[in-house]
Amino acid sequence: MQAKMDADRLLAGRLQARERKEFSEVQKARLLVELIEKRKKHFTAMRAQEKRNKSPTKTQMKSQMSTYLRHMGGYKQSHLKGRSFDEIKELFDKEMTKANDFIAMGSES
């Protein structure tokens, strides 16, 4: 029984050695290139995800709040043009409070 296991182990070792020799340099290079490409794609996807999850800048927030105020609050561009971020934020907060506190006439409160 032990002799058969030893023979199997030797045979497996010889097969592995033969397979290693059969793996040519070209195949090894191709596998390495594939690995590098996969890593590059992975890190590119990670960078893109980090970019998407980044919070908006103050200027972007001001623009979004101004758009909301123009569409929903009844303000015109000329009303908002010279105002600072903090002034627009106050107006936006007032409008959002109105929208959040709104109760429809047909609903029960």
PDB file of N, CA and C in Angstrom:
ATOM      1  N   MET A   1       0.831  -1.187   0.000  1.00  0.00           N
ATOM      2  CA  MET A   1       0.000   0.000   0.000  1.00  0.00           C
ATOM      3  C   MET A   1       0.880   1.257   0.000  1.00  0.00           C
ATOM      4  N   GLN A   2       1.886   1.281   0.887  1.00  0.00           N
ATOM      5  CA  GLN A   2       2.805   2.414   0.976  1.00  0.00           C
ATOM      6  C   GLN A   2       3.606   2.568  -0.316  1.00  0.00           C
ATOM      7  N   ALA A   3       3.992   1.441  -0.904  1.00  0.00           N
ATOM      8  CA  ALA A   3       4.770   1.480  -2.145  1.00  0.00           C
ATOM      9  C   ALA A   3       3.941   2.089  -3.272  1.00  0.00           C
ATOM     10  N   LYS A   4       2.651   1.757  -3.306  1.00  0.00           N
ATOM     11  CA  LYS A   4       1.771   2.307  -4.340  1.00  0.00           C
ATOM     12  C   LYS A   4       1.622   3.818  -4.166  1.00  0.00           C
ATOM     13  N   MET A   5       1.497   4.287  -2.906  1.00  0.00           N
ATOM     14  CA  MET A   5       1.372   5.720  -2.638  1.00  0.00           C
ATOM     15  C   MET A   5       2.651   6.458  -3.046  1.00  0.00           C
ATOM     16  N   ASP A   6       3.809   5.840  -2.744  1.00  0.00           N
ATOM     17  CA  ASP A   6       5.083   6.452  -3.127  1.00  0.00           C
ATOM     18  C   ASP A   6       5.208   6.534  -4.650  1.00  0.00           C
ATOM     19  N   ALA A   7       4.775   5.480  -5.332  1.00  0.00           N
ATOM     20  CA  ALA A   7       4.833   5.463  -6.795  1.00  0.00           C
ATOM     21  C   ALA A   7       3.918   6.545  -7.374  1.00  0.00           C
ATOM     22  N   ASP A   8       2.729   6.704  -6.789  1.00  0.00           N
ATOM     23  CA  ASP A   8       1.802   7.748  -7.244  1.00  0.00           C
ATOM     24  C   ASP A   8       2.402   9.136  -7.029  1.00  0.00           C
ATOM     25  N   ARG A   9       3.042   9.325  -5.882  1.00  0.00           N
ATOM     26  CA  ARG A   9       3.667  10.606  -5.569  1.00  0.00           C
ATOM     27  C   ARG A   9       4.776  10.930  -6.579  1.00  0.00           C
ATOM     28  N   LEU A  10       5.595   9.920  -6.902  1.00  0.00           N
ATOM     29  CA  LEU A  10       6.665  10.113  -7.885  1.00  0.00           C
ATOM     30  C   LEU A  10       6.094  10.436  -9.267  1.00  0.00           C
ATOM     31  N   LEU A  11       5.051   9.706  -9.643  1.00  0.00           N
ATOM     32  CA  LEU A  11       4.417   9.940 -10.937  1.00  0.00           C
ATOM     33  C   LEU A  11       3.829  11.350 -11.004  1.00  0.00           C
ATOM     34  N   ALA A  12       3.182  11.774  -9.924  1.00  0.00           N
ATOM     35  CA  ALA A  12       2.609  13.121  -9.882  1.00  0.00           C
ATOM     36  C   ALA A  12       3.709  14.174  -9.980  1.00  0.00           C
ATOM     37  N   GLY A  13       4.806  13.952  -9.296  1.00  0.00           N
ATOM     38  CA  GLY A  13       5.934  14.886  -9.359  1.00  0.00           C
ATOM     39  C   GLY A  13       6.501  14.995 -10.760  1.00  0.00           C
ATOM     40  N   ARG A  14       6.643  13.854 -11.443  1.00  0.00           N
ATOM     41  CA  ARG A  14       7.165  13.857 -12.811  1.00  0.00           C
ATOM     42  C   ARG A  14       6.215  14.594 -13.763  1.00  0.00           C
ATOM     43  N   LEU A  15       4.894  14.353 -13.573  1.00  0.00           N
ATOM     44  CA  LEU A  15       3.913  15.027 -14.428  1.00  0.00           C
ATOM     45  C   LEU A  15       3.950  16.543 -14.222  1.00  0.00           C
ATOM     46  N   GLN A  16       4.073  16.954 -12.976  1.00  0.00           N
ATOM     47  CA  GLN A  16       4.138  18.393 -12.696  1.00  0.00           C
ATOM     48  C   GLN A  16       5.396  19.007 -13.302  1.00  0.00           C
ATOM     49  N   ALA A  17       6.513  18.298 -13.203  1.00  0.00           N
ATOM     50  CA  ALA A  17       7.760  18.800 -13.788  1.00  0.00           C
ATOM     51  C   ALA A  17       7.629  18.929 -15.300  1.00  0.00           C
ATOM     52  N   ARG A  18       7.001  17.942 -15.931  1.00  0.00           N
ATOM     53  CA  ARG A  18       6.817  17.971 -17.375  1.00  0.00           C
ATOM     54  C   ARG A  18       5.909  19.150 -17.769  1.00  0.00           C
ATOM     55  N   GLU A  19       4.827  19.367 -16.988  1.00  0.00           N
ATOM     56  CA  GLU A  19       3.916  20.475 -17.281  1.00  0.00           C
ATOM     57  C   GLU A  19       4.625  21.817 -17.139  1.00  0.00           C
ATOM     58  N   ARG A  20       5.479  21.933 -16.126  1.00  0.00           N
ATOM     59  CA  ARG A  20       6.229  23.181 -15.938  1.00  0.00           C
ATOM     60  C   ARG A  20       7.144  23.448 -17.129  1.00  0.00           C
ATOM     61  N   LYS A  21       7.771  22.391 -17.645  1.00  0.00           N
ATOM     62  CA  LYS A  21       8.653  22.557 -18.798  1.00  0.00           C
ATOM     63  C   LYS A  21       7.851  22.929 -20.036  1.00  0.00           C
ATOM     64  N   GLU A  22       6.653  22.354 -20.149  1.00  0.00           N
ATOM     65  CA  GLU A  22       5.827  22.612 -21.321  1.00  0.00           C
ATOM     66  C   GLU A  22       5.311  24.051 -21.351  1.00  0.00           C
ATOM     67  N   PHE A  23       5.199  24.648 -20.179  1.00  0.00           N
ATOM     68  CA  PHE A  23       4.793  26.050 -20.129  1.00  0.00           C
ATOM     69  C   PHE A  23       5.927  26.884 -20.686  1.00  0.00           C
ATOM     70  N   SER A  24       5.793  27.313 -21.875  1.00  0.00           N
ATOM     71  CA  SER A  24       6.882  28.052 -22.514  1.00  0.00           C
ATOM     72  C   SER A  24       6.953  29.478 -21.977  1.00  0.00           C
ATOM     73  N   GLU A  25       8.011  30.135 -22.340  1.00  0.00           N
ATOM     74  CA  GLU A  25       8.204  31.521 -21.916  1.00  0.00           C
ATOM     75  C   GLU A  25       7.099  32.419 -22.484  1.00  0.00           C
ATOM     76  N   VAL A  26       6.650  32.102 -23.683  1.00  0.00           N
ATOM     77  CA  VAL A  26       5.596  32.901 -24.312  1.00  0.00           C
ATOM     78  C   VAL A  26       4.308  32.805 -23.504  1.00  0.00           C
ATOM     79  N   GLN A  27       3.964  31.600 -23.077  1.00  0.00           N
ATOM     80  CA  GLN A  27       2.755  31.423 -22.284  1.00  0.00           C
ATOM     81  C   GLN A  27       2.879  32.134 -20.943  1.00  0.00           C
ATOM     82  N   LYS A  28       4.045  32.058 -20.331  1.00  0.00           N
ATOM     83  CA  LYS A  28       4.254  32.750 -19.059  1.00  0.00           C
ATOM     84  C   LYS A  28       4.116  34.259 -19.246  1.00  0.00           C
ATOM     85  N   ALA A  29       4.673  34.772 -20.331  1.00  0.00           N
ATOM     86  CA  ALA A  29       4.578  36.204 -20.610  1.00  0.00           C
ATOM     87  C   ALA A  29       3.124  36.611 -20.849  1.00  0.00           C
ATOM     88  N   ARG A  30       2.385  35.779 -21.592  1.00  0.00           N
ATOM     89  CA  ARG A  30       0.980  36.066 -21.863  1.00  0.00           C
ATOM     90  C   ARG A  30       0.174  36.100 -20.565  1.00  0.00           C
ATOM     91  N   LEU A  31       0.425  35.143 -19.685  1.00  0.00           N
ATOM     92  CA  LEU A  31      -0.275  35.122 -18.402  1.00  0.00           C
ATOM     93  C   LEU A  31       0.057  36.360 -17.570  1.00  0.00           C
ATOM     94  N   LEU A  32       1.310  36.774 -17.602  1.00  0.00           N
ATOM     95  CA  LEU A  32       1.720  37.961 -16.860  1.00  0.00           C
ATOM     96  C   LEU A  32       1.026  39.208 -17.411  1.00  0.00           C
ATOM     97  N   VAL A  33       0.946  39.315 -18.732  1.00  0.00           N
ATOM     98  CA  VAL A  33       0.274  40.458 -19.353  1.00  0.00           C
ATOM     99  C   VAL A  33      -1.205  40.469 -18.976  1.00  0.00           C
ATOM    100  N   GLU A  34      -1.847  39.306 -18.993  1.00  0.00           N
ATOM    101  CA  GLU A  34      -3.257  39.217 -18.607  1.00  0.00           C
ATOM    102  C   GLU A  34      -3.451  39.655 -17.163  1.00  0.00           C
ATOM    103  N   LEU A  35      -2.561  39.224 -16.288  1.00  0.00           N
ATOM    104  CA  LEU A  35      -2.647  39.609 -14.881  1.00  0.00           C
ATOM    105  C   LEU A  35      -2.505  41.119 -14.723  1.00  0.00           C
ATOM    106  N   ILE A  36      -1.551  41.700 -15.436  1.00  0.00           N
ATOM    107  CA  ILE A  36      -1.343  43.149 -15.353  1.00  0.00           C
ATOM    108  C   ILE A  36      -2.572  43.899 -15.868  1.00  0.00           C
ATOM    109  N   GLU A  37      -3.163  43.424 -16.962  1.00  0.00           N
ATOM    110  CA  GLU A  37      -4.361  44.065 -17.518  1.00  0.00           C
ATOM    111  C   GLU A  37      -5.530  43.989 -16.539  1.00  0.00           C
ATOM    112  N   LYS A  38      -5.707  42.839 -15.895  1.00  0.00           N
ATOM    113  CA  LYS A  38      -6.787  42.693 -14.915  1.00  0.00           C
ATOM    114  C   LYS A  38      -6.598  43.656 -13.758  1.00  0.00           C
ATOM    115  N   ARG A  39      -5.356  43.762 -13.286  1.00  0.00           N
ATOM    116  CA  ARG A  39      -5.072  44.685 -12.179  1.00  0.00           C
ATOM    117  C   ARG A  39      -5.338  46.130 -12.595  1.00  0.00           C
ATOM    118  N   LYS A  40      -4.937  46.471 -13.825  1.00  0.00           N
ATOM    119  CA  LYS A  40      -5.136  47.832 -14.315  1.00  0.00           C
ATOM    120  C   LYS A  40      -6.630  48.162 -14.387  1.00  0.00           C
ATOM    121  N   LYS A  41      -7.424  47.218 -14.923  1.00  0.00           N
ATOM    122  CA  LYS A  41      -8.870  47.430 -15.013  1.00  0.00           C
ATOM    123  C   LYS A  41      -9.491  47.548 -13.626  1.00  0.00           C
ATOM    124  N   HIS A  42      -9.025  46.719 -12.705  1.00  0.00           N
ATOM    125  CA  HIS A  42      -9.556  46.747 -11.341  1.00  0.00           C
ATOM    126  C   HIS A  42      -9.309  48.104 -10.690  1.00  0.00           C
ATOM    127  N   PHE A  43      -8.080  48.607 -10.798  1.00  0.00           N
ATOM    128  CA  PHE A  43      -7.760  49.878 -10.159  1.00  0.00           C
ATOM    129  C   PHE A  43      -8.433  51.051 -10.868  1.00  0.00           C
ATOM    130  N   THR A  44      -8.649  50.940 -12.168  1.00  0.00           N
ATOM    131  CA  THR A  44      -9.386  51.973 -12.895  1.00  0.00           C
ATOM    132  C   THR A  44     -10.830  52.018 -12.413  1.00  0.00           C
ATOM    133  N   ALA A  45     -11.432  50.851 -12.228  1.00  0.00           N
ATOM    134  CA  ALA A  45     -12.803  50.791 -11.723  1.00  0.00           C
ATOM    135  C   ALA A  45     -12.884  51.354 -10.306  1.00  0.00           C
ATOM    136  N   MET A  46     -11.890  51.061  -9.490  1.00  0.00           N
ATOM    137  CA  MET A  46     -11.879  51.584  -8.117  1.00  0.00           C
ATOM    138  C   MET A  46     -11.782  53.111  -8.123  1.00  0.00           C
ATOM    139  N   ARG A  47     -10.925  53.671  -8.981  1.00  0.00           N
ATOM    140  CA  ARG A  47     -10.795  55.129  -9.076  1.00  0.00           C
ATOM    141  C   ARG A  47     -12.104  55.760  -9.530  1.00  0.00           C
ATOM    142  N   ALA A  48     -12.761  55.148 -10.505  1.00  0.00           N
ATOM    143  CA  ALA A  48     -14.028  55.678 -11.010  1.00  0.00           C
ATOM    144  C   ALA A  48     -15.091  55.646  -9.921  1.00  0.00           C
ATOM    145  N   GLN A  49     -15.104  54.582  -9.136  1.00  0.00           N
ATOM    146  CA  GLN A  49     -16.079  54.475  -8.052  1.00  0.00           C
ATOM    147  C   GLN A  49     -15.823  55.544  -6.993  1.00  0.00           C
ATOM    148  N   GLU A  50     -14.573  55.787  -6.661  1.00  0.00           N
ATOM    149  CA  GLU A  50     -14.249  56.831  -5.693  1.00  0.00           C
ATOM    150  C   GLU A  50     -14.683  58.198  -6.213  1.00  0.00           C
ATOM    151  N   LYS A  51     -14.508  58.426  -7.513  1.00  0.00           N
ATOM    152  CA  LYS A  51     -14.922  59.698  -8.103  1.00  0.00           C
ATOM    153  C   LYS A  51     -16.430  59.876  -8.014  1.00  0.00           C
ATOM    154  N   ARG A  52     -17.182  58.801  -8.291  1.00  0.00           N
ATOM    155  CA  ARG A  52     -18.643  58.884  -8.243  1.00  0.00           C
ATOM    156  C   ARG A  52     -19.141  59.128  -6.829  1.00  0.00           C
ATOM    157  N   ASN A  53     -18.462  58.580  -5.834  1.00  0.00           N
ATOM    158  CA  ASN A  53     -18.917  58.691  -4.456  1.00  0.00           C
ATOM    159  C   ASN A  53     -18.450  59.970  -3.768  1.00  0.00           C
ATOM    160  N   LYS A  54     -17.689  60.801  -4.472  1.00  0.00           N
ATOM    161  CA  LYS A  54     -17.185  62.033  -3.884  1.00  0.00           C
ATOM    162  C   LYS A  54     -18.339  63.014  -3.690  1.00  0.00           C
ATOM    163  N   SER A  55     -18.356  63.718  -2.551  1.00  0.00           N
ATOM    164  CA  SER A  55     -19.429  64.666  -2.287  1.00  0.00           C
ATOM    165  C   SER A  55     -19.277  65.895  -3.182  1.00  0.00           C
ATOM    166  N   PRO A  56     -20.398  66.567  -3.485  1.00  0.00           N
ATOM    167  CA  PRO A  56     -20.332  67.718  -4.384  1.00  0.00           C
ATOM    168  C   PRO A  56     -19.600  68.897  -3.740  1.00  0.00           C
ATOM    169  N   THR A  57     -19.012  69.732  -4.575  1.00  0.00           N
ATOM    170  CA  THR A  57     -18.316  70.918  -4.082  1.00  0.00           C
ATOM    171  C   THR A  57     -19.340  71.982  -3.704  1.00  0.00           C
ATOM    172  N   LYS A  58     -18.862  73.027  -3.061  1.00  0.00           N
ATOM    173  CA  LYS A  58     -19.747  74.105  -2.630  1.00  0.00           C
ATOM    174  C   LYS A  58     -20.407  74.771  -3.844  1.00  0.00           C
ATOM    175  N   THR A  59     -19.655  74.939  -4.902  1.00  0.00           N
ATOM    176  CA  THR A  59     -20.189  75.550  -6.122  1.00  0.00           C
ATOM    177  C   THR A  59     -21.265  74.669  -6.745  1.00  0.00           C
ATOM    178  N   GLN A  60     -21.037  73.357  -6.764  1.00  0.00           N
ATOM    179  CA  GLN A  60     -22.040  72.442  -7.313  1.00  0.00           C
ATOM    180  C   GLN A  60     -23.309  72.468  -6.466  1.00  0.00           C
ATOM    181  N   MET A  61     -23.147  72.505  -5.147  1.00  0.00           N
ATOM    182  CA  MET A  61     -24.315  72.560  -4.262  1.00  0.00           C
ATOM    183  C   MET A  61     -25.089  73.858  -4.480  1.00  0.00           C
ATOM    184  N   LYS A  62     -24.368  74.979  -4.632  1.00  0.00           N
ATOM    185  CA  LYS A  62     -25.017  76.270  -4.870  1.00  0.00           C
ATOM    186  C   LYS A  62     -25.815  76.218  -6.165  1.00  0.00           C
ATOM    187  N   SER A  63     -25.242  75.629  -7.191  1.00  0.00           N
ATOM    188  CA  SER A  63     -25.920  75.512  -8.478  1.00  0.00           C
ATOM    189  C   SER A  63     -27.179  74.649  -8.358  1.00  0.00           C
ATOM    190  N   GLN A  64     -27.087  73.538  -7.649  1.00  0.00           N
ATOM    191  CA  GLN A  64     -28.245  72.654  -7.476  1.00  0.00           C
ATOM    192  C   GLN A  64     -29.349  73.340  -6.679  1.00  0.00           C
ATOM    193  N   MET A  65     -28.970  74.054  -5.619  1.00  0.00           N
ATOM    194  CA  MET A  65     -29.970  74.755  -4.807  1.00  0.00           C
ATOM    195  C   MET A  65     -30.619  75.871  -5.618  1.00  0.00           C
ATOM    196  N   SER A  66     -29.832  76.590  -6.418  1.00  0.00           N
ATOM    197  CA  SER A  66     -30.379  77.663  -7.257  1.00  0.00           C
ATOM    198  C   SER A  66     -31.370  77.096  -8.268  1.00  0.00           C
ATOM    199  N   THR A  67     -31.038  75.972  -8.856  1.00  0.00           N
ATOM    200  CA  THR A  67     -31.947  75.332  -9.810  1.00  0.00           C
ATOM    201  C   THR A  67     -33.250  74.941  -9.128  1.00  0.00           C
ATOM    202  N   TYR A  68     -33.161  74.371  -7.933  1.00  0.00           N
ATOM    203  CA  TYR A  68     -34.369  73.993  -7.190  1.00  0.00           C
ATOM    204  C   TYR A  68     -35.211  75.232  -6.897  1.00  0.00           C
ATOM    205  N   LEU A  69     -34.563  76.311  -6.442  1.00  0.00           N
ATOM    206  CA  LEU A  69     -35.297  77.529  -6.108  1.00  0.00           C
ATOM    207  C   LEU A  69     -35.961  78.133  -7.342  1.00  0.00           C
ATOM    208  N   ARG A  70     -35.290  78.073  -8.498  1.00  0.00           N
ATOM    209  CA  ARG A  70     -35.888  78.602  -9.722  1.00  0.00           C
ATOM    210  C   ARG A  70     -37.090  77.770 -10.154  1.00  0.00           C
ATOM    211  N   HIS A  71     -36.993  76.468 -10.040  1.00  0.00           N
ATOM    212  CA  HIS A  71     -38.071  75.597 -10.527  1.00  0.00           C
ATOM    213  C   HIS A  71     -39.211  75.472  -9.522  1.00  0.00           C
ATOM    214  N   MET A  72     -38.895  75.330  -8.261  1.00  0.00           N
ATOM    215  CA  MET A  72     -39.918  75.029  -7.262  1.00  0.00           C
ATOM    216  C   MET A  72     -40.277  76.233  -6.385  1.00  0.00           C
ATOM    217  N   GLY A  73     -39.336  77.133  -6.180  1.00  0.00           N
ATOM    218  CA  GLY A  73     -39.567  78.237  -5.254  1.00  0.00           C
ATOM    219  C   GLY A  73     -40.112  79.491  -5.897  1.00  0.00           C
ATOM    220  N   GLY A  74     -40.144  79.547  -7.204  1.00  0.00           N
ATOM    221  CA  GLY A  74     -40.671  80.713  -7.886  1.00  0.00           C
ATOM    222  C   GLY A  74     -39.675  81.854  -7.999  1.00  0.00           C
ATOM    223  N   TYR A  75     -38.417  81.608  -7.734  1.00  0.00           N
ATOM    224  CA  TYR A  75     -37.393  82.643  -7.854  1.00  0.00           C
ATOM    225  C   TYR A  75     -36.918  82.718  -9.294  1.00  0.00           C
ATOM    226  N   LYS A  76     -36.423  83.902  -9.659  1.00  0.00           N
ATOM    227  CA  LYS A  76     -35.838  84.077 -10.984  1.00  0.00           C
ATOM    228  C   LYS A  76     -34.329  84.105 -10.843  1.00  0.00           C
ATOM    229  N   GLN A  77     -33.646  83.919 -11.944  1.00  0.00           N
ATOM    230  CA  GLN A  77     -32.187  83.914 -11.934  1.00  0.00           C
ATOM    231  C   GLN A  77     -31.645  85.235 -11.403  1.00  0.00           C
ATOM    232  N   SER A  78     -32.318  86.337 -11.737  1.00  0.00           N
ATOM    233  CA  SER A  78     -31.855  87.654 -11.286  1.00  0.00           C
ATOM    234  C   SER A  78     -31.950  87.794  -9.768  1.00  0.00           C
ATOM    235  N   HIS A  79     -32.895  87.090  -9.123  1.00  0.00           N
ATOM    236  CA  HIS A  79     -33.006  87.127  -7.659  1.00  0.00           C
ATOM    237  C   HIS A  79     -31.828  86.426  -6.998  1.00  0.00           C
ATOM    238  N   LEU A  80     -31.305  85.404  -7.651  1.00  0.00           N
ATOM    239  CA  LEU A  80     -30.282  84.555  -7.033  1.00  0.00           C
ATOM    240  C   LEU A  80     -28.866  84.903  -7.472  1.00  0.00           C
ATOM    241  N   LYS A  81     -28.723  85.703  -8.518  1.00  0.00           N
ATOM    242  CA  LYS A  81     -27.429  85.881  -9.165  1.00  0.00           C
ATOM    243  C   LYS A  81     -26.344  86.427  -8.245  1.00  0.00           C
ATOM    244  N   GLY A  82     -26.591  87.462  -7.485  1.00  0.00           N
ATOM    245  CA  GLY A  82     -25.541  88.088  -6.690  1.00  0.00           C
ATOM    246  C   GLY A  82     -25.425  87.553  -5.277  1.00  0.00           C
ATOM    247  N   ARG A  83     -26.188  86.543  -4.946  1.00  0.00           N
ATOM    248  CA  ARG A  83     -26.220  86.048  -3.566  1.00  0.00           C
ATOM    249  C   ARG A  83     -25.088  85.067  -3.284  1.00  0.00           C
ATOM    250  N   SER A  84     -24.709  85.018  -2.010  1.00  0.00           N
ATOM    251  CA  SER A  84     -23.647  84.103  -1.590  1.00  0.00           C
ATOM    252  C   SER A  84     -24.227  82.711  -1.345  1.00  0.00           C
ATOM    253  N   PHE A  85     -23.344  81.779  -1.093  1.00  0.00           N
ATOM    254  CA  PHE A  85     -23.757  80.401  -0.818  1.00  0.00           C
ATOM    255  C   PHE A  85     -24.665  80.348   0.409  1.00  0.00           C
ATOM    256  N   ASP A  86     -24.289  81.077   1.467  1.00  0.00           N
ATOM    257  CA  ASP A  86     -25.068  81.037   2.712  1.00  0.00           C
ATOM    258  C   ASP A  86     -26.464  81.616   2.522  1.00  0.00           C
ATOM    259  N   GLU A  87     -26.589  82.689   1.741  1.00  0.00           N
ATOM    260  CA  GLU A  87     -27.906  83.282   1.498  1.00  0.00           C
ATOM    261  C   GLU A  87     -28.790  82.326   0.699  1.00  0.00           C
ATOM    262  N   ILE A  88     -28.217  81.703  -0.297  1.00  0.00           N
ATOM    263  CA  ILE A  88     -28.987  80.741  -1.096  1.00  0.00           C
ATOM    264  C   ILE A  88     -29.363  79.537  -0.244  1.00  0.00           C
ATOM    265  N   LYS A  89     -28.462  79.123   0.648  1.00  0.00           N
ATOM    266  CA  LYS A  89     -28.745  77.986   1.538  1.00  0.00           C
ATOM    267  C   LYS A  89     -29.932  78.298   2.442  1.00  0.00           C
ATOM    268  N   GLU A  90     -30.005  79.532   2.971  1.00  0.00           N
ATOM    269  CA  GLU A  90     -31.140  79.926   3.814  1.00  0.00           C
ATOM    270  C   GLU A  90     -32.446  79.859   3.029  1.00  0.00           C
ATOM    271  N   LEU A  91     -32.455  80.421   1.815  1.00  0.00           N
ATOM    272  CA  LEU A  91     -33.658  80.366   0.981  1.00  0.00           C
ATOM    273  C   LEU A  91     -34.043  78.922   0.670  1.00  0.00           C
ATOM    274  N   PHE A  92     -33.049  78.118   0.353  1.00  0.00           N
ATOM    275  CA  PHE A  92     -33.286  76.713   0.031  1.00  0.00           C
ATOM    276  C   PHE A  92     -33.878  75.979   1.237  1.00  0.00           C
ATOM    277  N   ASP A  93     -33.319  76.227   2.429  1.00  0.00           N
ATOM    278  CA  ASP A  93     -33.832  75.572   3.637  1.00  0.00           C
ATOM    279  C   ASP A  93     -35.285  75.955   3.898  1.00  0.00           C
ATOM    280  N   LYS A  94     -35.639  77.230   3.675  1.00  0.00           N
ATOM    281  CA  LYS A  94     -37.031  77.665   3.858  1.00  0.00           C
ATOM    282  C   LYS A  94     -37.957  76.929   2.898  1.00  0.00           C
ATOM    283  N   GLU A  95     -37.548  76.844   1.632  1.00  0.00           N
ATOM    284  CA  GLU A  95     -38.372  76.158   0.631  1.00  0.00           C
ATOM    285  C   GLU A  95     -38.492  74.665   0.930  1.00  0.00           C
ATOM    286  N   MET A  96     -37.412  74.055   1.387  1.00  0.00           N
ATOM    287  CA  MET A  96     -37.464  72.629   1.719  1.00  0.00           C
ATOM    288  C   MET A  96     -38.355  72.388   2.929  1.00  0.00           C
ATOM    289  N   THR A  97     -38.331  73.303   3.893  1.00  0.00           N
ATOM    290  CA  THR A  97     -39.211  73.177   5.062  1.00  0.00           C
ATOM    291  C   THR A  97     -40.663  73.236   4.615  1.00  0.00           C
ATOM    292  N   LYS A  98     -40.979  74.167   3.703  1.00  0.00           N
ATOM    293  CA  LYS A  98     -42.344  74.256   3.174  1.00  0.00           C
ATOM    294  C   LYS A  98     -42.742  72.944   2.496  1.00  0.00           C
ATOM    295  N   ALA A  99     -41.852  72.411   1.690  1.00  0.00           N
ATOM    296  CA  ALA A  99     -42.154  71.177   0.956  1.00  0.00           C
ATOM    297  C   ALA A  99     -42.308  69.995   1.906  1.00  0.00           C
ATOM    298  N   ASN A 100     -41.477  69.931   2.940  1.00  0.00           N
ATOM    299  CA  ASN A 100     -41.538  68.804   3.873  1.00  0.00           C
ATOM    300  C   ASN A 100     -42.728  68.898   4.817  1.00  0.00           C
ATOM    301  N   ASP A 101     -43.168  70.125   5.139  1.00  0.00           N
ATOM    302  CA  ASP A 101     -44.294  70.310   6.061  1.00  0.00           C
ATOM    303  C   ASP A 101     -45.639  70.288   5.353  1.00  0.00           C
ATOM    304  N   PHE A 102     -45.647  70.198   4.049  1.00  0.00           N
ATOM    305  CA  PHE A 102     -46.874  70.225   3.265  1.00  0.00           C
ATOM    306  C   PHE A 102     -47.741  69.009   3.580  1.00  0.00           C
ATOM    307  N   ILE A 103     -49.024  69.283   3.818  1.00  0.00           N
ATOM    308  CA  ILE A 103     -50.000  68.214   4.042  1.00  0.00           C
ATOM    309  C   ILE A 103     -51.095  68.397   2.998  1.00  0.00           C
ATOM    310  N   ALA A 104     -51.373  67.382   2.240  1.00  0.00           N
ATOM    311  CA  ALA A 104     -52.394  67.458   1.201  1.00  0.00           C
ATOM    312  C   ALA A 104     -53.762  67.640   1.834  1.00  0.00           C
ATOM    313  N   MET A 105     -54.667  68.316   1.120  1.00  0.00           N
ATOM    314  CA  MET A 105     -55.987  68.625   1.677  1.00  0.00           C
ATOM    315  C   MET A 105     -56.801  67.365   1.952  1.00  0.00           C
ATOM    316  N   GLY A 106     -56.694  66.371   1.148  1.00  0.00           N
ATOM    317  CA  GLY A 106     -57.503  65.170   1.306  1.00  0.00           C
ATOM    318  C   GLY A 106     -56.948  64.173   2.312  1.00  0.00           C
ATOM    319  N   SER A 107     -55.752  64.408   2.817  1.00  0.00           N
ATOM    320  CA  SER A 107     -55.149  63.426   3.723  1.00  0.00           C
ATOM    321  C   SER A 107     -55.518  63.731   5.167  1.00  0.00           C
ATOM    322  N   GLU A 108     -55.461  62.700   5.985  1.00  0.00           N
ATOM    323  CA  GLU A 108     -55.732  62.874   7.411  1.00  0.00           C
ATOM    324  C   GLU A 108     -54.419  63.120   8.130  1.00  0.00           C
ATOM    325  N   SER A 109     -54.425  64.094   9.047  1.00  0.00           N
ATOM    326  CA  SER A 109     -53.183  64.380   9.764  1.00  0.00           C
ATOM    327  C   SER A 109     -53.236  63.951  11.197  1.00  0.00           C
TER     328      SER A 109
END
